[in-house]
Protein backbone atom coordinates (compact mmCIF):
# COMPACT_ATOMS: atom_id res chain seq x y z
CA UNK A 1 4.36 24.94 32.85
CA UNK A 2 5.43 21.61 31.36
CA UNK A 3 1.83 20.41 31.29
CA UNK A 4 0.75 23.54 29.41
CA UNK A 5 3.60 23.10 26.89
CA UNK A 6 2.62 19.48 26.31
CA UNK A 7 -0.98 20.53 25.74
CA UNK A 8 0.05 23.16 23.17
CA UNK A 9 2.28 20.68 21.35
CA UNK A 10 -0.48 18.09 21.36
CA UNK A 11 -3.01 20.53 19.90
CA UNK A 12 -0.51 21.65 17.27
CA UNK A 13 0.22 18.00 16.48
CA UNK A 14 -3.47 17.25 15.95
CA UNK A 15 -3.69 20.27 13.65
CA UNK A 16 -0.75 19.00 11.56
CA UNK A 17 -2.25 15.51 11.44
CA UNK A 18 -5.54 16.85 10.10
CA UNK A 19 -3.67 18.75 7.39
CA UNK A 20 -1.71 15.65 6.40
CA UNK A 21 -4.88 13.57 6.25
CA UNK A 22 -6.60 16.01 3.90
CA UNK A 23 -7.42 14.38 0.57
CA UNK A 24 -5.55 15.44 -2.54
CA UNK A 25 -7.55 16.59 -5.53
CA UNK A 26 -7.53 14.76 -8.83
CA UNK A 27 -7.26 11.21 -7.50
CA UNK A 28 -8.96 8.67 -9.76
CA UNK A 29 -8.79 4.89 -9.14
CA UNK A 30 -8.24 2.74 -12.22
CA UNK A 31 -9.15 -0.75 -11.01
CA UNK A 32 -10.74 -0.54 -7.56
CA UNK A 33 -12.03 -3.79 -6.07
CA UNK A 34 -15.45 -3.98 -4.47
CA UNK A 35 -15.59 -5.25 -0.87
CA UNK A 36 -17.35 -8.52 -1.80
CA UNK A 37 -14.68 -9.43 -4.35
CA UNK A 38 -11.92 -8.55 -1.89
CA UNK A 39 -13.61 -10.55 0.85
CA UNK A 40 -13.74 -13.66 -1.33
CA UNK A 41 -10.12 -13.34 -2.43
CA UNK A 42 -8.49 -12.40 0.89
CA UNK A 43 -7.15 -14.87 3.44
CA UNK A 44 -6.18 -14.13 7.07
CA UNK A 45 -2.59 -12.93 7.17
CA UNK A 46 -2.74 -11.22 3.76
CA UNK A 47 -1.36 -7.70 3.44
CA UNK A 48 -3.58 -5.26 1.56
CA UNK A 49 -1.70 -2.42 -0.13
CA UNK A 50 -3.57 0.80 -0.85
CA UNK A 51 -2.84 3.73 -3.13
CA UNK A 52 -3.91 6.54 -0.83
CA UNK A 53 -4.99 10.03 -1.82
CA UNK A 54 -4.03 12.02 1.26
CA UNK A 55 -1.21 14.55 1.54
CA UNK A 56 0.78 12.13 3.66
CA UNK A 57 0.20 9.49 0.97
CA UNK A 58 1.90 11.67 -1.64
CA UNK A 59 4.94 12.07 0.61
CA UNK A 60 5.22 8.33 1.30
CA UNK A 61 4.83 7.46 -2.39
CA UNK A 62 7.61 9.89 -3.27
CA UNK A 63 9.97 8.78 -0.51
CA UNK A 64 9.52 5.10 -1.39
CA UNK A 65 9.28 5.59 -5.17
CA UNK A 66 6.13 3.49 -5.24
CA UNK A 67 2.44 3.49 -6.10
CA UNK A 68 1.52 2.16 -2.66
CA UNK A 69 1.31 4.49 0.31
CA UNK A 70 -0.62 2.44 2.85
CA UNK A 71 -0.92 -1.13 4.06
CA UNK A 72 -3.30 -3.07 6.28
CA UNK A 73 -3.40 -6.66 7.54
CA UNK A 74 -6.45 -8.79 6.84
CA UNK A 75 -7.43 -10.67 10.01
CA UNK A 76 -10.65 -12.34 8.82
CA UNK A 77 -13.48 -12.93 11.26
CA UNK A 78 -11.59 -12.68 14.56
CA UNK A 79 -13.05 -9.28 15.46
CA UNK A 80 -16.60 -8.93 16.73
CA UNK A 81 -19.32 -7.26 14.74
CA UNK A 82 -20.20 -3.75 15.91
CA UNK A 83 -23.21 -3.46 18.20
CA UNK A 84 -24.87 -1.03 15.79
CA UNK A 85 -25.05 -3.72 13.09
CA UNK A 86 -22.54 -2.06 10.76
CA UNK A 87 -20.01 -3.97 8.70
CA UNK A 88 -17.59 -6.21 10.58
CA UNK A 89 -14.01 -4.83 10.68
CA UNK A 90 -11.63 -7.24 8.95
CA UNK A 91 -8.54 -5.07 8.47
CA UNK A 92 -6.13 -3.79 11.10
CA UNK A 93 -4.07 -0.76 10.17
CA UNK A 94 -2.17 2.16 11.62
CA UNK A 95 -3.33 5.66 10.73
CA UNK A 96 -1.79 8.95 11.68
CA UNK A 97 -4.04 10.51 14.28
CA UNK A 98 -6.07 7.34 14.88
CA UNK A 99 -3.29 4.95 15.84
CA UNK A 100 -3.84 1.21 15.41
CA UNK A 101 -7.49 0.57 14.53
CA UNK A 102 -9.74 -2.03 12.90
CA UNK A 103 -11.69 -1.04 9.78
CA UNK A 104 -14.09 -2.75 7.33
CA UNK A 105 -13.13 -3.68 3.77
CA UNK A 106 -15.58 -1.15 2.37
CA UNK A 107 -13.27 1.65 3.51
CA UNK A 108 -11.13 1.05 0.42
CA UNK A 109 -13.86 0.34 -2.11
CA UNK A 110 -12.84 3.39 -4.18
CA UNK A 111 -9.07 2.87 -4.03
CA UNK A 112 -6.56 0.94 -6.08
CA UNK A 113 -5.45 -2.02 -3.98
CA UNK A 114 -3.16 -5.05 -4.15
CA UNK A 115 -3.19 -8.28 -2.15
CA UNK A 116 0.19 -9.62 -0.98
CA UNK A 117 0.04 -13.15 0.48
CA UNK A 118 2.88 -14.65 2.54
CA UNK A 119 3.80 -17.93 0.88
CA UNK A 120 3.99 -21.07 3.01
CA UNK A 121 3.02 -19.36 6.25
CA UNK A 122 2.14 -22.00 8.84
CA UNK A 123 -1.25 -21.86 10.62
CA UNK A 124 0.46 -21.28 13.98
CA UNK A 125 2.55 -18.39 12.67
CA UNK A 126 -0.49 -16.92 10.90
CA UNK A 127 -2.38 -16.95 14.18
CA UNK A 128 0.60 -15.40 15.99
CA UNK A 129 0.77 -12.55 13.46
CA UNK A 130 -2.95 -11.87 13.72
CA UNK A 131 -2.82 -12.02 17.53
CA UNK A 132 0.08 -9.56 17.47
CA UNK A 133 -1.96 -7.08 15.44
CA UNK A 134 -5.11 -7.55 17.52
CA UNK A 135 -3.14 -6.93 20.71
CA UNK A 136 -1.77 -3.74 19.13
CA UNK A 137 -5.26 -2.25 18.69
CA UNK A 138 -5.47 1.04 20.52
CA UNK A 139 -1.80 1.88 20.07
CA UNK A 140 -1.70 5.65 19.76
CA UNK A 141 0.74 8.01 18.10
CA UNK A 142 2.03 10.82 20.28
CA UNK A 143 1.04 14.01 18.49
CA UNK A 144 3.70 15.92 20.39
CA UNK A 145 6.35 14.36 18.14
CA UNK A 146 6.13 17.36 15.84
CA UNK A 147 9.25 16.49 13.86
CA UNK A 148 7.71 13.16 12.85
CA UNK A 149 4.79 15.08 11.37
CA UNK A 150 6.71 17.90 9.72
CA UNK A 151 8.79 15.51 7.58
CA UNK A 152 5.64 14.63 5.60
CA UNK A 153 5.01 18.23 4.60
CA UNK A 154 7.92 17.92 2.17
CA UNK A 155 6.42 15.68 -0.54
CA UNK A 156 9.52 16.09 -2.73
CA UNK A 157 12.55 16.79 -0.51
CA UNK A 158 15.76 17.53 -2.43
CA UNK A 159 17.68 14.47 -1.21
CA UNK A 160 19.26 11.59 -3.14
CA UNK A 161 17.05 8.56 -3.79
CA UNK A 162 19.17 6.31 -1.56
CA UNK A 163 18.49 8.55 1.45
CA UNK A 164 14.76 8.97 1.03
CA UNK A 165 13.79 5.70 2.71
CA UNK A 166 15.70 6.78 5.80
CA UNK A 167 13.43 9.81 6.11
CA UNK A 168 10.57 7.47 7.04
CA UNK A 169 12.36 6.51 10.26
CA UNK A 170 13.44 10.00 11.27
CA UNK A 171 11.88 11.72 14.22
CA UNK A 172 11.76 11.78 17.98
CA UNK A 173 8.97 9.25 18.38
CA UNK A 174 8.56 5.56 17.64
CA UNK A 175 8.10 5.28 13.86
CA UNK A 176 5.96 2.19 14.36
CA UNK A 177 3.22 4.44 15.62
CA UNK A 178 3.19 6.56 12.46
CA UNK A 179 3.96 4.25 9.53
CA UNK A 180 1.39 1.55 8.81
CA UNK A 181 3.84 -0.91 7.26
CA UNK A 182 6.23 -0.76 10.20
CA UNK A 183 3.84 -2.45 12.62
CA UNK A 184 2.92 -5.12 10.05
CA UNK A 185 6.62 -5.77 9.39
CA UNK A 186 7.17 -6.09 13.12
CA UNK A 187 4.40 -8.69 13.28
CA UNK A 188 6.01 -10.80 10.54
CA UNK A 189 9.44 -10.44 12.13
CA UNK A 190 7.88 -11.71 15.35
CA UNK A 191 7.54 -15.16 13.70
CA UNK A 192 10.78 -14.74 11.68
CA UNK A 193 9.01 -14.51 8.34
CA UNK A 194 11.19 -12.61 5.80
CA UNK A 195 10.03 -9.59 3.82
CA UNK A 196 13.09 -8.01 2.20
CA UNK A 197 16.08 -9.23 4.20
CA UNK A 198 19.63 -8.24 3.42
CA UNK A 199 21.29 -11.35 1.97
CA UNK A 200 25.05 -11.61 2.35
CA UNK A 201 27.11 -14.44 0.95
CA UNK A 202 30.07 -15.67 2.99
CA UNK A 203 32.52 -18.44 2.11
CA UNK A 204 31.65 -21.75 3.71
CA UNK A 205 33.82 -24.71 4.57
CA UNK A 206 36.17 -25.94 1.89
CA UNK A 207 34.66 -28.90 0.08
CA UNK A 208 36.10 -31.60 -2.14
CA UNK A 209 37.99 -30.54 -5.26
CA UNK A 210 38.73 -27.12 -3.74
CA UNK A 211 35.20 -25.88 -4.25
CA UNK A 212 33.48 -23.58 -1.82
CA UNK A 213 29.90 -23.48 -0.74
CA UNK A 214 28.24 -20.21 0.00
CA UNK A 215 25.91 -19.69 2.91
CA UNK A 216 23.07 -17.22 2.83
CA UNK A 217 22.63 -15.25 6.01
CA UNK A 218 19.37 -13.38 6.36
CA UNK A 219 19.80 -10.10 8.22
CA UNK A 220 16.53 -8.80 9.59
CA UNK A 221 16.17 -5.11 8.85
CA UNK A 222 14.72 -2.84 11.48
CA UNK A 223 10.95 -2.69 11.15
CA UNK A 224 10.96 1.11 10.94
CA UNK A 225 12.65 0.93 7.52
CA UNK A 226 9.88 -1.07 5.86
CA UNK A 227 7.43 0.62 3.51
CA UNK A 228 4.23 -0.64 1.83
CA UNK A 229 6.05 -1.34 -1.45
CA UNK A 230 8.32 -3.89 0.28
CA UNK A 231 5.47 -6.40 0.50
CA UNK A 232 4.93 -5.94 -3.23
CA UNK A 233 8.62 -6.40 -4.05
CA UNK A 234 9.23 -9.23 -1.59
CA UNK A 235 10.05 -12.59 -3.23
CA UNK A 236 8.25 -14.28 -0.34
CA UNK A 237 4.82 -12.70 -0.88
CA UNK A 238 2.50 -13.82 -3.67
CA UNK A 239 0.52 -11.19 -5.58
CA UNK A 240 -3.16 -12.15 -5.66
CA UNK A 241 -5.52 -10.43 -8.09
CA UNK A 242 -9.21 -10.85 -7.17
CA UNK A 243 -10.42 -10.76 -10.78
CA UNK A 244 -8.36 -13.86 -11.58
CA UNK A 245 -8.99 -15.94 -8.46
CA UNK A 246 -12.34 -17.37 -9.54
CA UNK A 247 -11.65 -17.62 -13.25
CA UNK A 248 -11.36 -15.06 -15.99
CA UNK A 249 -12.46 -15.38 -19.62
CA UNK A 250 -11.60 -12.43 -21.80
CA UNK A 251 -13.96 -13.78 -24.49
CA UNK A 252 -16.90 -12.88 -22.27
CA UNK A 253 -16.00 -9.21 -22.01
CA UNK A 254 -18.35 -6.71 -23.62
CA UNK A 255 -16.36 -4.12 -25.52
CA UNK A 256 -17.90 -0.78 -26.35
CA UNK A 257 -16.62 -0.76 -29.94
CA UNK A 258 -14.56 -3.49 -31.56
CA UNK A 259 -14.48 -1.88 -35.00
CA UNK A 260 -11.37 0.13 -34.17
CA UNK A 261 -9.39 -3.12 -33.81
CA UNK A 262 -10.40 -4.41 -37.26
CA UNK A 263 -8.38 -3.88 -40.47
CA UNK A 264 -9.41 -0.76 -42.46
CA UNK A 265 -11.11 -2.83 -45.19
CA UNK A 266 -13.37 -4.50 -42.60
CA UNK A 267 -14.42 -1.34 -40.78
CA UNK A 268 -17.89 0.06 -41.50
CA UNK A 269 -17.74 2.88 -44.01
CA UNK A 270 -19.51 6.08 -43.12
CA UNK A 271 -21.46 7.74 -45.95
CA UNK A 272 -20.36 11.27 -45.44
CA UNK A 273 -19.65 13.95 -48.02
CA UNK A 274 -17.28 16.67 -47.06
CA UNK A 275 -18.38 20.00 -48.44
CA UNK A 276 -15.67 22.30 -49.67
CA UNK A 277 -15.75 25.95 -48.90
CA UNK A 278 -13.97 28.56 -50.99
CA UNK A 279 -11.05 30.24 -49.36
CA UNK A 280 -9.82 33.75 -49.78
CA UNK A 281 -7.72 32.80 -52.83
CA UNK A 282 -10.56 31.08 -54.62
CA UNK A 283 -9.41 27.60 -53.62
CA UNK A 284 -11.17 25.17 -51.35
CA UNK A 285 -10.57 24.00 -47.83
CA UNK A 286 -11.76 20.64 -46.56
C-alpha cells in the first residue's frame, strides 16, 4: 500500500513539476549574450545568473524581489564532450525535475544573464568548489515532496516582504535539491567564501585612551536561504559584463537615426504641405 502511495505521489509530483517548468508568455530578452561571447568572458568558478521565463521563475523573482530567478556555476573544460559531438557542457545547475545536471552555454543564448565572479578566490578553493559541483551531478529532487512544489504555484503570496525569502526554504524535502542557488551557496560555504554573511559588531578589548575596537564576526547563513540575487548583491562578487571585457568604443556604434538627437535647427526639414479640410462650421482642421 505504501509503495502504491509513493508511486501516486511521485507521478503527481512530476505533473506539478512540468506545470512549473512551462514557459510564460510575453518574455523578451533585452541584452542576451551569445555563447561565444559568454565563453570568452567566463572563468571557472563564475556564477551565471539567468532571468528565467518559466512559471517557477516568476515565483522566485517575486519572492526574492529580483530580476534573477536562476543561477548556474561555470566549471570550464572539466567535463567531457558528449559522444554525439554536441556542445561541451560548461555549466552545472540544479533544475526542478532534472536535479543537478551539466548543460552547455548555448542553453541561455536567448536569456538575459549576468556574470558574478568571486573576487580573490584562490586556485585551490576554485578547484574545490568545482569538484563539489561535479560530485553533485546526478543529485535528484524527490518529487513526492509535494509541499515544496505547491509553494511555487503562488507567484504573489499575500505575505510581508520580510517573510518571502523564508518561503524558499519551506517544505518537507531538502531545499538544496529544488533551488539552484542553494547548492552553489553550499559549494562556496564549503571553502568558507562569503556571499552575504550577517555581520555583527561586538566590542573588543579596551585600547589606549579608552577607545574600543570593533570586531566583525561573519555568521554563515544556511545555504537554503540563498537566492540568485544574493550573488549579484554580494560585495565579494565582481559583476562582469561581456561587452566590456574586450574593449568597448561607443563611437563605433551604428545608430539607426541620429537626427533626433540634434537641435531643431540642425534637423533635416521635411517639405510637406498640410492640406486643410473644411469642417462643419466652415472652418478648417489640420
